[in-house]
Amino acid sequence: MKCDNCLCKSAYIKDYEHDYNIKGKEIKFISPRRFCKECNSLVYDAELDNEASRKAIEIYNKNYGICKDDIVNLRNKYNLSQELFSKIIGCAKKTLISYEKGTAIPNDNYMIIINTLISKPDTIISLIESNKNQFTDKEYFRIQEKISKFSNNEKQLFYNKDFEPSEYNGYTKIDKNKIINLILMFAKKGILKTKLLKEMFYADFLNYKYTGASITGLEYAKLPYGPVPDNFEKIITECKNEELISYNIEYKNEYELHNIKSLTEIDETVFTNEELNIIDKVIEFFKDYKSKEIADFSHEEKAYIETNFSDKISYDYAFDIERII
């Protein structure tokens, strides 16, 4: 190290009063700095200078922004990784890391988001939904699993709302008990998630075909692996959190297998005899099908072929299902 003014290489350290201006705020504090022994000018010292910068940011965040510990505690409260939490609030992972280390100051947008989450933790639910396209299915499920305790009754899948009969819910009001017990019946001996969701589709649509009403009142959408119940991630997550099912992920070769198995008794009394007959028919028909096979089977339905990707599927297509007698 040498002085830029006199080129002297001898220096000493003493306390120095700093005066930073950060976003229009004056930040004053005292910390050690290096000085030239000859002319007493400030001499650059990477360690001391960087420490002073961190101190200035720390004081600003404490008085006018958000303390790094508050951000870390918030993320830990949700039990989320830095990668997932950064996606939720809409910043890069390295940006979040700089906030948590106290080496950067959150910009105004992130300041508002983080402060809102600190004061109202359950608002993370609407934030996740508004950024849903940023997540893979795997990430979305993991997030739902982590933050489910912050959901209130109005945010749950099975909330009460005004019933609006339509071709997309099979003119049937959503029924939590039937949804749960339908899953329990299909998962009694264990089932992969992809197969479970397809069997739910066929049960609801076949019941509509023969009785004019769906079993559960669920709406279905077209996704890459076939028709699935809308908000199926929430359905599975809630069943797991209520300890109605076990949910385990295993990796086999290049495949990710989502195993689901019932953990509680099935209440068949919630179903009519006609509904039970339909459910048994679906179980029997697909008993030897693997997940990919039932997915491929569903891709041949007009309900899948004629519906745009991610759009809801009309129950009117139930009358075109002819291969399951």
C-alpha atoms as a PDB file:
ATOM      1  CA  MET A   1       0.000   0.000   0.000  1.00  0.00           C
ATOM      2  CA  LYS A   2       1.239   3.457  -0.812  1.00  0.00           C
ATOM      3  CA  CYS A   3      -0.162   6.960  -0.655  1.00  0.00           C
ATOM      4  CA  ASP A   4      -1.520   8.323  -3.931  1.00  0.00           C
ATOM      5  CA  ASN A   5      -0.477  11.837  -2.919  1.00  0.00           C
ATOM      6  CA  CYS A   6       3.142  11.445  -1.797  1.00  0.00           C
ATOM      7  CA  LEU A   7       3.816   7.831  -2.738  1.00  0.00           C
ATOM      8  CA  CYS A   8       4.873   7.057   0.826  1.00  0.00           C
ATOM      9  CA  LYS A   9       4.571   3.389   1.711  1.00  0.00           C
ATOM     10  CA  SER A  10       4.294   3.892   5.452  1.00  0.00           C
ATOM     11  CA  ALA A  11       0.804   4.102   6.949  1.00  0.00           C
ATOM     12  CA  TYR A  12      -1.088   3.867  10.185  1.00  0.00           C
ATOM     13  CA  ILE A  13      -4.674   3.143  11.220  1.00  0.00           C
ATOM     14  CA  LYS A  14      -6.969   5.379  13.233  1.00  0.00           C
ATOM     15  CA  ASP A  15     -10.695   5.963  13.710  1.00  0.00           C
ATOM     16  CA  TYR A  16     -12.308   8.055  10.996  1.00  0.00           C
ATOM     17  CA  GLU A  17     -15.706   9.771  10.874  1.00  0.00           C
ATOM     18  CA  HIS A  18     -17.513   8.687   7.726  1.00  0.00           C
ATOM     19  CA  ASP A  19     -20.266  10.685   6.071  1.00  0.00           C
ATOM     20  CA  TYR A  20     -22.155   8.704   3.392  1.00  0.00           C
ATOM     21  CA  ASN A  21     -25.180   9.843   1.408  1.00  0.00           C
ATOM     22  CA  ILE A  22     -27.378   6.872   0.518  1.00  0.00           C
ATOM     23  CA  LYS A  23     -30.635   7.515  -1.304  1.00  0.00           C
ATOM     24  CA  GLY A  24     -30.742  11.047   0.088  1.00  0.00           C
ATOM     25  CA  LYS A  25     -30.091   9.920   3.656  1.00  0.00           C
ATOM     26  CA  GLU A  26     -26.993  11.073   5.544  1.00  0.00           C
ATOM     27  CA  ILE A  27     -25.216   8.162   7.203  1.00  0.00           C
ATOM     28  CA  LYS A  28     -22.541   9.042   9.768  1.00  0.00           C
ATOM     29  CA  PHE A  29     -20.413   6.658  11.807  1.00  0.00           C
ATOM     30  CA  ILE A  30     -16.845   6.084  12.974  1.00  0.00           C
ATOM     31  CA  SER A  31     -14.697   3.167  11.886  1.00  0.00           C
ATOM     32  CA  PRO A  32     -10.968   2.478  11.371  1.00  0.00           C
ATOM     33  CA  ARG A  33      -9.244   3.735   8.189  1.00  0.00           C
ATOM     34  CA  ARG A  34      -5.650   3.717   6.989  1.00  0.00           C
ATOM     35  CA  PHE A  35      -3.679   6.995   6.678  1.00  0.00           C
ATOM     36  CA  CYS A  36      -0.335   8.004   5.208  1.00  0.00           C
ATOM     37  CA  LYS A  37       2.363   8.682   7.838  1.00  0.00           C
ATOM     38  CA  GLU A  38       3.858  11.478   5.778  1.00  0.00           C
ATOM     39  CA  CYS A  39       0.891  13.565   4.613  1.00  0.00           C
ATOM     40  CA  ASN A  40      -1.951  12.045   6.679  1.00  0.00           C
ATOM     41  CA  SER A  41      -4.047  11.408   3.551  1.00  0.00           C
ATOM     42  CA  LEU A  42      -6.421   8.436   3.366  1.00  0.00           C
ATOM     43  CA  VAL A  43      -4.734   5.369   1.931  1.00  0.00           C
ATOM     44  CA  TYR A  44      -6.740   2.673   0.154  1.00  0.00           C
ATOM     45  CA  ASP A  45      -7.109  -0.495   2.221  1.00  0.00           C
ATOM     46  CA  ALA A  46      -9.468  -3.026   0.639  1.00  0.00           C
ATOM     47  CA  GLU A  47     -10.420  -4.722   3.883  1.00  0.00           C
ATOM     48  CA  LEU A  48     -11.041  -1.554   5.904  1.00  0.00           C
ATOM     49  CA  ASP A  49     -12.743   0.315   3.052  1.00  0.00           C
ATOM     50  CA  ASN A  50     -15.079  -2.578   2.256  1.00  0.00           C
ATOM     51  CA  GLU A  51     -15.909  -2.912   5.923  1.00  0.00           C
ATOM     52  CA  ALA A  52     -16.828   0.792   6.010  1.00  0.00           C
ATOM     53  CA  SER A  53     -19.123   0.333   2.997  1.00  0.00           C
ATOM     54  CA  ARG A  54     -20.828  -2.636   4.660  1.00  0.00           C
ATOM     55  CA  LYS A  55     -21.246  -0.586   7.832  1.00  0.00           C
ATOM     56  CA  ALA A  56     -22.889   2.254   5.899  1.00  0.00           C
ATOM     57  CA  ILE A  57     -25.313  -0.159   4.236  1.00  0.00           C
ATOM     58  CA  GLU A  58     -26.047  -1.845   7.566  1.00  0.00           C
ATOM     59  CA  ILE A  59     -26.907   1.481   9.204  1.00  0.00           C
ATOM     60  CA  TYR A  60     -29.077   2.551   6.267  1.00  0.00           C
ATOM     61  CA  ASN A  61     -30.959  -0.755   6.209  1.00  0.00           C
ATOM     62  CA  LYS A  62     -31.496  -0.613   9.965  1.00  0.00           C
ATOM     63  CA  ASN A  63     -32.827   2.960   9.988  1.00  0.00           C
ATOM     64  CA  TYR A  64     -34.544   3.268   6.607  1.00  0.00           C
ATOM     65  CA  GLY A  65     -34.630  -0.122   4.906  1.00  0.00           C
ATOM     66  CA  ILE A  66     -34.680  -3.766   5.938  1.00  0.00           C
ATOM     67  CA  CYS A  67     -32.084  -5.445   8.139  1.00  0.00           C
ATOM     68  CA  LYS A  68     -30.367  -8.449   6.605  1.00  0.00           C
ATOM     69  CA  ASP A  69     -31.412 -10.590   9.583  1.00  0.00           C
ATOM     70  CA  ASP A  70     -35.071  -9.716   8.968  1.00  0.00           C
ATOM     71  CA  ILE A  71     -34.793 -10.981   5.386  1.00  0.00           C
ATOM     72  CA  VAL A  72     -33.092 -14.205   6.463  1.00  0.00           C
ATOM     73  CA  ASN A  73     -35.653 -14.740   9.234  1.00  0.00           C
ATOM     74  CA  LEU A  74     -38.513 -14.133   6.806  1.00  0.00           C
ATOM     75  CA  ARG A  75     -37.209 -16.703   4.348  1.00  0.00           C
ATOM     76  CA  ASN A  76     -36.591 -19.197   7.137  1.00  0.00           C
ATOM     77  CA  LYS A  77     -40.099 -18.573   8.436  1.00  0.00           C
ATOM     78  CA  TYR A  78     -41.408 -19.891   5.128  1.00  0.00           C
ATOM     79  CA  ASN A  79     -38.738 -22.640   5.196  1.00  0.00           C
ATOM     80  CA  LEU A  80     -37.762 -21.730   1.625  1.00  0.00           C
ATOM     81  CA  SER A  81     -34.415 -21.981  -0.117  1.00  0.00           C
ATOM     82  CA  GLN A  82     -32.751 -18.834  -1.472  1.00  0.00           C
ATOM     83  CA  GLU A  83     -33.465 -20.044  -4.997  1.00  0.00           C
ATOM     84  CA  LEU A  84     -37.214 -20.475  -4.456  1.00  0.00           C
ATOM     85  CA  PHE A  85     -37.662 -17.352  -2.343  1.00  0.00           C
ATOM     86  CA  SER A  86     -35.812 -15.199  -4.894  1.00  0.00           C
ATOM     87  CA  LYS A  87     -38.136 -16.461  -7.625  1.00  0.00           C
ATOM     88  CA  ILE A  88     -41.185 -15.650  -5.516  1.00  0.00           C
ATOM     89  CA  ILE A  89     -40.152 -12.032  -4.901  1.00  0.00           C
ATOM     90  CA  GLY A  90     -38.887 -11.693  -8.469  1.00  0.00           C
ATOM     91  CA  CYS A  91     -35.155 -11.128  -8.061  1.00  0.00           C
ATOM     92  CA  ALA A  92     -32.035 -13.063  -8.999  1.00  0.00           C
ATOM     93  CA  LYS A  93     -30.661 -15.514  -6.433  1.00  0.00           C
ATOM     94  CA  LYS A  94     -27.365 -13.613  -6.243  1.00  0.00           C
ATOM     95  CA  THR A  95     -29.300 -10.409  -5.536  1.00  0.00           C
ATOM     96  CA  LEU A  96     -31.108 -12.038  -2.630  1.00  0.00           C
ATOM     97  CA  ILE A  97     -27.802 -13.359  -1.311  1.00  0.00           C
ATOM     98  CA  SER A  98     -26.378  -9.815  -1.352  1.00  0.00           C
ATOM     99  CA  TYR A  99     -29.435  -8.612   0.638  1.00  0.00           C
ATOM    100  CA  GLU A 100     -29.026 -11.397   3.179  1.00  0.00           C
ATOM    101  CA  LYS A 101     -25.313 -10.686   3.552  1.00  0.00           C
ATOM    102  CA  GLY A 102     -25.978  -6.977   3.974  1.00  0.00           C
ATOM    103  CA  THR A 103     -23.775  -6.016   1.034  1.00  0.00           C
ATOM    104  CA  ALA A 104     -26.595  -4.402  -0.950  1.00  0.00           C
ATOM    105  CA  ILE A 105     -29.736  -2.362  -0.344  1.00  0.00           C
ATOM    106  CA  PRO A 106     -33.038  -3.716  -1.716  1.00  0.00           C
ATOM    107  CA  ASN A 107     -34.498  -1.420  -4.364  1.00  0.00           C
ATOM    108  CA  ASP A 108     -37.867   0.208  -3.741  1.00  0.00           C
ATOM    109  CA  ASN A 109     -39.889  -2.600  -5.378  1.00  0.00           C
ATOM    110  CA  TYR A 110     -38.247  -5.362  -3.356  1.00  0.00           C
ATOM    111  CA  MET A 111     -38.422  -3.199  -0.241  1.00  0.00           C
ATOM    112  CA  ILE A 112     -42.209  -3.006  -0.602  1.00  0.00           C
ATOM    113  CA  ILE A 113     -42.573  -6.740  -1.305  1.00  0.00           C
ATOM    114  CA  ILE A 114     -40.379  -7.832   1.604  1.00  0.00           C
ATOM    115  CA  ASN A 115     -41.945  -5.383   4.070  1.00  0.00           C
ATOM    116  CA  THR A 116     -45.398  -6.568   3.030  1.00  0.00           C
ATOM    117  CA  LEU A 117     -44.419 -10.200   3.599  1.00  0.00           C
ATOM    118  CA  ILE A 118     -42.962  -9.361   6.999  1.00  0.00           C
ATOM    119  CA  SER A 119     -46.127  -7.570   8.144  1.00  0.00           C
ATOM    120  CA  LYS A 120     -48.581  -9.967   6.432  1.00  0.00           C
ATOM    121  CA  PRO A 121     -46.943 -13.383   5.890  1.00  0.00           C
ATOM    122  CA  ASP A 122     -50.016 -14.918   4.219  1.00  0.00           C
ATOM    123  CA  THR A 123     -49.747 -12.481   1.294  1.00  0.00           C
ATOM    124  CA  ILE A 124     -47.071 -14.799  -0.078  1.00  0.00           C
ATOM    125  CA  ILE A 125     -49.914 -16.931  -1.451  1.00  0.00           C
ATOM    126  CA  SER A 126     -51.146 -14.279  -3.883  1.00  0.00           C
ATOM    127  CA  LEU A 127     -47.543 -13.399  -4.761  1.00  0.00           C
ATOM    128  CA  ILE A 128     -46.841 -17.015  -5.692  1.00  0.00           C
ATOM    129  CA  GLU A 129     -49.971 -17.244  -7.824  1.00  0.00           C
ATOM    130  CA  SER A 130     -49.128 -14.015  -9.683  1.00  0.00           C
ATOM    131  CA  ASN A 131     -45.636 -15.396 -10.474  1.00  0.00           C
ATOM    132  CA  LYS A 132     -46.764 -18.967 -11.093  1.00  0.00           C
ATOM    133  CA  ASN A 133     -45.339 -19.061 -14.620  1.00  0.00           C
ATOM    134  CA  GLN A 134     -41.851 -18.594 -13.152  1.00  0.00           C
ATOM    135  CA  PHE A 135     -41.893 -22.029 -11.511  1.00  0.00           C
ATOM    136  CA  THR A 136     -41.643 -25.567 -12.796  1.00  0.00           C
ATOM    137  CA  ASP A 137     -44.342 -27.976 -11.603  1.00  0.00           C
ATOM    138  CA  LYS A 138     -41.809 -29.459  -9.182  1.00  0.00           C
ATOM    139  CA  GLU A 139     -40.902 -26.027  -7.780  1.00  0.00           C
ATOM    140  CA  TYR A 140     -44.548 -24.988  -7.481  1.00  0.00           C
ATOM    141  CA  PHE A 141     -45.416 -28.136  -5.545  1.00  0.00           C
ATOM    142  CA  ARG A 142     -42.472 -27.689  -3.199  1.00  0.00           C
ATOM    143  CA  ILE A 143     -43.438 -24.071  -2.557  1.00  0.00           C
ATOM    144  CA  GLN A 144     -47.055 -25.018  -1.841  1.00  0.00           C
ATOM    145  CA  GLU A 145     -45.829 -27.699   0.539  1.00  0.00           C
ATOM    146  CA  LYS A 146     -43.569 -25.242   2.380  1.00  0.00           C
ATOM    147  CA  ILE A 147     -46.009 -22.338   2.762  1.00  0.00           C
ATOM    148  CA  SER A 148     -49.298 -24.202   3.206  1.00  0.00           C
ATOM    149  CA  LYS A 149     -49.501 -23.226   6.896  1.00  0.00           C
ATOM    150  CA  PHE A 150     -49.858 -19.579   5.869  1.00  0.00           C
ATOM    151  CA  SER A 151     -53.025 -20.339   3.912  1.00  0.00           C
ATOM    152  CA  ASN A 152     -56.252 -19.301   5.595  1.00  0.00           C
ATOM    153  CA  ASN A 153     -59.645 -20.825   4.946  1.00  0.00           C
ATOM    154  CA  GLU A 154     -60.433 -18.330   2.212  1.00  0.00           C
ATOM    155  CA  LYS A 155     -57.262 -19.270   0.369  1.00  0.00           C
ATOM    156  CA  GLN A 156     -57.696 -23.023   0.572  1.00  0.00           C
ATOM    157  CA  LEU A 157     -58.776 -25.106  -2.375  1.00  0.00           C
ATOM    158  CA  PHE A 158     -61.861 -26.306  -0.530  1.00  0.00           C
ATOM    159  CA  TYR A 159     -63.269 -22.904   0.368  1.00  0.00           C
ATOM    160  CA  ASN A 160     -66.920 -22.056   0.226  1.00  0.00           C
ATOM    161  CA  LYS A 161     -67.952 -19.876  -2.665  1.00  0.00           C
ATOM    162  CA  ASP A 162     -71.056 -19.141  -4.637  1.00  0.00           C
ATOM    163  CA  PHE A 163     -71.737 -22.115  -6.862  1.00  0.00           C
ATOM    164  CA  GLU A 164     -71.852 -21.324 -10.553  1.00  0.00           C
ATOM    165  CA  PRO A 165     -72.845 -24.438 -12.523  1.00  0.00           C
ATOM    166  CA  SER A 166     -71.049 -24.748 -15.832  1.00  0.00           C
ATOM    167  CA  GLU A 167     -69.825 -27.208 -18.433  1.00  0.00           C
ATOM    168  CA  TYR A 168     -66.388 -27.015 -16.799  1.00  0.00           C
ATOM    169  CA  ASN A 169     -67.368 -28.291 -13.329  1.00  0.00           C
ATOM    170  CA  GLY A 170     -69.916 -30.811 -14.564  1.00  0.00           C
ATOM    171  CA  TYR A 171     -72.747 -28.696 -13.123  1.00  0.00           C
ATOM    172  CA  THR A 172     -71.691 -29.935  -9.694  1.00  0.00           C
ATOM    173  CA  LYS A 173     -70.649 -27.980  -6.601  1.00  0.00           C
ATOM    174  CA  ILE A 174     -67.138 -28.813  -5.471  1.00  0.00           C
ATOM    175  CA  ASP A 175     -67.226 -31.443  -2.732  1.00  0.00           C
ATOM    176  CA  LYS A 176     -64.200 -31.759  -0.455  1.00  0.00           C
ATOM    177  CA  ASN A 177     -65.224 -35.105   1.035  1.00  0.00           C
ATOM    178  CA  LYS A 178     -65.687 -36.678  -2.372  1.00  0.00           C
ATOM    179  CA  ILE A 179     -62.357 -35.312  -3.633  1.00  0.00           C
ATOM    180  CA  ILE A 180     -60.504 -36.707  -0.636  1.00  0.00           C
ATOM    181  CA  ASN A 181     -62.177 -40.103  -0.705  1.00  0.00           C
ATOM    182  CA  LEU A 182     -61.805 -40.413  -4.463  1.00  0.00           C
ATOM    183  CA  ILE A 183     -58.055 -39.915  -4.019  1.00  0.00           C
ATOM    184  CA  LEU A 184     -58.010 -42.404  -1.128  1.00  0.00           C
ATOM    185  CA  MET A 185     -59.770 -45.029  -3.232  1.00  0.00           C
ATOM    186  CA  PHE A 186     -57.385 -44.682  -6.167  1.00  0.00           C
ATOM    187  CA  ALA A 187     -54.329 -44.556  -3.865  1.00  0.00           C
ATOM    188  CA  LYS A 188     -55.384 -47.410  -1.580  1.00  0.00           C
ATOM    189  CA  LYS A 189     -52.573 -49.677  -2.805  1.00  0.00           C
ATOM    190  CA  GLY A 190     -50.259 -46.864  -3.814  1.00  0.00           C
ATOM    191  CA  ILE A 191     -50.263 -44.978  -7.111  1.00  0.00           C
ATOM    192  CA  LEU A 192     -48.082 -42.564  -9.071  1.00  0.00           C
ATOM    193  CA  LYS A 193     -49.398 -39.004  -9.255  1.00  0.00           C
ATOM    194  CA  THR A 194     -49.704 -38.960 -13.053  1.00  0.00           C
ATOM    195  CA  LYS A 195     -51.904 -42.061 -13.030  1.00  0.00           C
ATOM    196  CA  LEU A 196     -53.968 -40.783 -10.096  1.00  0.00           C
ATOM    197  CA  LEU A 197     -54.844 -37.528 -11.863  1.00  0.00           C
ATOM    198  CA  LYS A 198     -55.893 -39.356 -15.036  1.00  0.00           C
ATOM    199  CA  GLU A 199     -58.099 -41.772 -13.105  1.00  0.00           C
ATOM    200  CA  MET A 200     -59.764 -38.819 -11.374  1.00  0.00           C
ATOM    201  CA  PHE A 201     -60.463 -37.295 -14.790  1.00  0.00           C
ATOM    202  CA  TYR A 202     -62.038 -40.486 -16.117  1.00  0.00           C
ATOM    203  CA  ALA A 203     -64.128 -41.021 -12.992  1.00  0.00           C
ATOM    204  CA  ASP A 204     -65.569 -37.501 -13.096  1.00  0.00           C
ATOM    205  CA  PHE A 205     -66.155 -37.453 -16.850  1.00  0.00           C
ATOM    206  CA  LEU A 206     -67.649 -40.943 -17.047  1.00  0.00           C
ATOM    207  CA  ASN A 207     -70.000 -40.133 -14.175  1.00  0.00           C
ATOM    208  CA  TYR A 208     -71.065 -37.023 -16.073  1.00  0.00           C
ATOM    209  CA  LYS A 209     -71.619 -39.103 -19.201  1.00  0.00           C
ATOM    210  CA  TYR A 210     -73.976 -41.501 -17.443  1.00  0.00           C
ATOM    211  CA  THR A 211     -75.629 -39.282 -14.810  1.00  0.00           C
ATOM    212  CA  GLY A 212     -75.306 -35.701 -16.071  1.00  0.00           C
ATOM    213  CA  ALA A 213     -73.141 -34.605 -13.123  1.00  0.00           C
ATOM    214  CA  SER A 214     -69.480 -34.920 -12.146  1.00  0.00           C
ATOM    215  CA  ILE A 215     -68.550 -36.665  -8.907  1.00  0.00           C
ATOM    216  CA  THR A 216     -66.332 -34.003  -7.344  1.00  0.00           C
ATOM    217  CA  GLY A 217     -67.191 -30.721  -9.054  1.00  0.00           C
ATOM    218  CA  LEU A 218     -63.535 -30.309 -10.014  1.00  0.00           C
ATOM    219  CA  GLU A 219     -62.531 -28.469 -13.164  1.00  0.00           C
ATOM    220  CA  TYR A 220     -59.915 -30.093 -15.410  1.00  0.00           C
ATOM    221  CA  ALA A 221     -57.260 -28.548 -17.626  1.00  0.00           C
ATOM    222  CA  LYS A 222     -55.087 -29.759 -20.479  1.00  0.00           C
ATOM    223  CA  LEU A 223     -51.423 -30.165 -19.492  1.00  0.00           C
ATOM    224  CA  PRO A 224     -48.567 -32.028 -21.219  1.00  0.00           C
ATOM    225  CA  TYR A 225     -49.218 -35.368 -19.498  1.00  0.00           C
ATOM    226  CA  GLY A 226     -52.957 -35.279 -20.117  1.00  0.00           C
ATOM    227  CA  PRO A 227     -56.061 -33.884 -18.388  1.00  0.00           C
ATOM    228  CA  VAL A 228     -55.545 -32.969 -14.721  1.00  0.00           C
ATOM    229  CA  PRO A 229     -57.706 -31.357 -12.034  1.00  0.00           C
ATOM    230  CA  ASP A 230     -57.251 -27.604 -11.880  1.00  0.00           C
ATOM    231  CA  ASN A 231     -55.094 -26.684  -8.849  1.00  0.00           C
ATOM    232  CA  PHE A 232     -54.080 -30.314  -8.433  1.00  0.00           C
ATOM    233  CA  GLU A 233     -50.894 -29.232  -6.603  1.00  0.00           C
ATOM    234  CA  LYS A 234     -53.015 -27.719  -3.831  1.00  0.00           C
ATOM    235  CA  ILE A 235     -55.227 -30.781  -3.687  1.00  0.00           C
ATOM    236  CA  ILE A 236     -52.286 -33.116  -3.161  1.00  0.00           C
ATOM    237  CA  THR A 237     -50.526 -30.745  -0.770  1.00  0.00           C
ATOM    238  CA  GLU A 238     -53.588 -30.344   1.455  1.00  0.00           C
ATOM    239  CA  CYS A 239     -54.172 -34.093   1.570  1.00  0.00           C
ATOM    240  CA  LYS A 240     -50.540 -34.631   2.530  1.00  0.00           C
ATOM    241  CA  ASN A 241     -50.592 -31.887   5.185  1.00  0.00           C
ATOM    242  CA  GLU A 242     -53.746 -33.373   6.702  1.00  0.00           C
ATOM    243  CA  GLU A 243     -51.900 -36.737   6.798  1.00  0.00           C
ATOM    244  CA  LEU A 244     -54.510 -38.372   4.604  1.00  0.00           C
ATOM    245  CA  ILE A 245     -51.888 -39.602   2.147  1.00  0.00           C
ATOM    246  CA  SER A 246     -48.157 -40.185   2.045  1.00  0.00           C
ATOM    247  CA  TYR A 247     -46.299 -38.406  -0.717  1.00  0.00           C
ATOM    248  CA  ASN A 248     -42.764 -39.462  -1.626  1.00  0.00           C
ATOM    249  CA  ILE A 249     -40.536 -38.584  -4.560  1.00  0.00           C
ATOM    250  CA  GLU A 250     -37.980 -41.065  -5.841  1.00  0.00           C
ATOM    251  CA  TYR A 251     -35.615 -40.889  -8.785  1.00  0.00           C
ATOM    252  CA  LYS A 252     -35.254 -43.778 -11.185  1.00  0.00           C
ATOM    253  CA  ASN A 253     -32.894 -43.344 -14.106  1.00  0.00           C
ATOM    254  CA  GLU A 254     -33.966 -40.036 -15.678  1.00  0.00           C
ATOM    255  CA  TYR A 255     -37.477 -40.216 -14.234  1.00  0.00           C
ATOM    256  CA  GLU A 256     -38.907 -38.502 -11.152  1.00  0.00           C
ATOM    257  CA  LEU A 257     -41.607 -40.662  -9.568  1.00  0.00           C
ATOM    258  CA  HIS A 258     -44.225 -39.113  -7.271  1.00  0.00           C
ATOM    259  CA  ASN A 259     -45.625 -41.911  -5.111  1.00  0.00           C
ATOM    260  CA  ILE A 260     -48.939 -41.452  -3.306  1.00  0.00           C
ATOM    261  CA  LYS A 261     -50.586 -43.869  -0.878  1.00  0.00           C
ATOM    262  CA  SER A 262     -53.645 -43.644   1.350  1.00  0.00           C
ATOM    263  CA  LEU A 263     -53.013 -43.359   5.092  1.00  0.00           C
ATOM    264  CA  THR A 264     -56.572 -43.394   6.398  1.00  0.00           C
ATOM    265  CA  GLU A 265     -59.830 -45.268   6.015  1.00  0.00           C
ATOM    266  CA  ILE A 266     -62.034 -44.586   3.004  1.00  0.00           C
ATOM    267  CA  ASP A 267     -65.549 -43.308   3.598  1.00  0.00           C
ATOM    268  CA  GLU A 268     -67.527 -44.793   0.726  1.00  0.00           C
ATOM    269  CA  THR A 269     -70.796 -43.438   2.134  1.00  0.00           C
ATOM    270  CA  VAL A 270     -70.044 -40.045   0.566  1.00  0.00           C
ATOM    271  CA  PHE A 271     -70.649 -41.585  -2.872  1.00  0.00           C
ATOM    272  CA  THR A 272     -73.836 -42.783  -4.520  1.00  0.00           C
ATOM    273  CA  ASN A 273     -74.035 -46.350  -5.799  1.00  0.00           C
ATOM    274  CA  GLU A 274     -73.719 -45.062  -9.358  1.00  0.00           C
ATOM    275  CA  GLU A 275     -70.566 -43.150  -8.450  1.00  0.00           C
ATOM    276  CA  LEU A 276     -69.040 -46.184  -6.727  1.00  0.00           C
ATOM    277  CA  ASN A 277     -69.727 -48.289  -9.818  1.00  0.00           C
ATOM    278  CA  ILE A 278     -67.968 -45.725 -12.019  1.00  0.00           C
ATOM    279  CA  ILE A 279     -64.966 -45.535  -9.677  1.00  0.00           C
ATOM    280  CA  ASP A 280     -64.652 -49.329  -9.551  1.00  0.00           C
ATOM    281  CA  LYS A 281     -64.893 -49.467 -13.338  1.00  0.00           C
ATOM    282  CA  VAL A 282     -62.042 -46.973 -13.724  1.00  0.00           C
ATOM    283  CA  ILE A 283     -59.853 -48.818 -11.198  1.00  0.00           C
ATOM    284  CA  GLU A 284     -60.458 -52.153 -12.914  1.00  0.00           C
ATOM    285  CA  PHE A 285     -59.913 -50.792 -16.441  1.00  0.00           C
ATOM    286  CA  PHE A 286     -56.585 -49.110 -15.665  1.00  0.00           C
ATOM    287  CA  LYS A 287     -55.256 -51.576 -13.061  1.00  0.00           C
ATOM    288  CA  ASP A 288     -52.407 -52.762 -15.321  1.00  0.00           C
ATOM    289  CA  TYR A 289     -51.641 -49.383 -16.908  1.00  0.00           C
ATOM    290  CA  LYS A 290     -48.393 -47.617 -16.107  1.00  0.00           C
ATOM    291  CA  SER A 291     -48.360 -43.826 -15.786  1.00  0.00           C
ATOM    292  CA  LYS A 292     -47.060 -43.224 -19.302  1.00  0.00           C
ATOM    293  CA  GLU A 293     -49.569 -45.653 -20.750  1.00  0.00           C
ATOM    294  CA  ILE A 294     -52.575 -43.970 -19.154  1.00  0.00           C
ATOM    295  CA  ALA A 295     -51.180 -40.559 -20.134  1.00  0.00           C
ATOM    296  CA  ASP A 296     -50.855 -41.699 -23.758  1.00  0.00           C
ATOM    297  CA  PHE A 297     -54.339 -43.198 -23.545  1.00  0.00           C
ATOM    298  CA  SER A 298     -55.808 -39.873 -22.408  1.00  0.00           C
ATOM    299  CA  HIS A 299     -54.039 -38.010 -25.230  1.00  0.00           C
ATOM    300  CA  GLU A 300     -56.295 -39.835 -27.694  1.00  0.00           C
ATOM    301  CA  GLU A 301     -59.495 -38.405 -26.183  1.00  0.00           C
ATOM    302  CA  LYS A 302     -61.257 -35.591 -28.042  1.00  0.00           C
ATOM    303  CA  ALA A 303     -61.320 -33.797 -24.698  1.00  0.00           C
ATOM    304  CA  TYR A 304     -57.535 -33.551 -24.932  1.00  0.00           C
ATOM    305  CA  ILE A 305     -57.096 -33.193 -28.688  1.00  0.00           C
ATOM    306  CA  GLU A 306     -59.600 -30.359 -29.152  1.00  0.00           C
ATOM    307  CA  THR A 307     -58.715 -28.330 -26.044  1.00  0.00           C
ATOM    308  CA  ASN A 308     -55.956 -25.728 -26.155  1.00  0.00           C
ATOM    309  CA  PHE A 309     -52.976 -26.195 -23.876  1.00  0.00           C
ATOM    310  CA  SER A 310     -53.674 -25.058 -20.266  1.00  0.00           C
ATOM    311  CA  ASP A 311     -57.356 -24.356 -21.076  1.00  0.00           C
ATOM    312  CA  LYS A 312     -60.194 -25.894 -19.087  1.00  0.00           C
ATOM    313  CA  ILE A 313     -61.817 -28.997 -20.551  1.00  0.00           C
ATOM    314  CA  SER A 314     -65.566 -29.036 -21.123  1.00  0.00           C
ATOM    315  CA  TYR A 315     -67.440 -31.955 -19.580  1.00  0.00           C
ATOM    316  CA  ASP A 316     -69.384 -32.133 -22.828  1.00  0.00           C
ATOM    317  CA  TYR A 317     -66.460 -34.179 -24.146  1.00  0.00           C
ATOM    318  CA  ALA A 318     -67.496 -36.932 -21.721  1.00  0.00           C
ATOM    319  CA  PHE A 319     -69.901 -38.233 -24.338  1.00  0.00           C
ATOM    320  CA  ASP A 320     -66.949 -38.893 -26.658  1.00  0.00           C
ATOM    321  CA  ILE A 321     -65.275 -41.285 -24.201  1.00  0.00           C
ATOM    322  CA  GLU A 322     -66.079 -44.684 -25.723  1.00  0.00           C
ATOM    323  CA  ARG A 323     -63.189 -47.005 -24.928  1.00  0.00           C
ATOM    324  CA  ILE A 324     -64.154 -47.539 -21.285  1.00  0.00           C
ATOM    325  CA  ILE A 325     -67.398 -49.498 -21.176  1.00  0.00           C
END
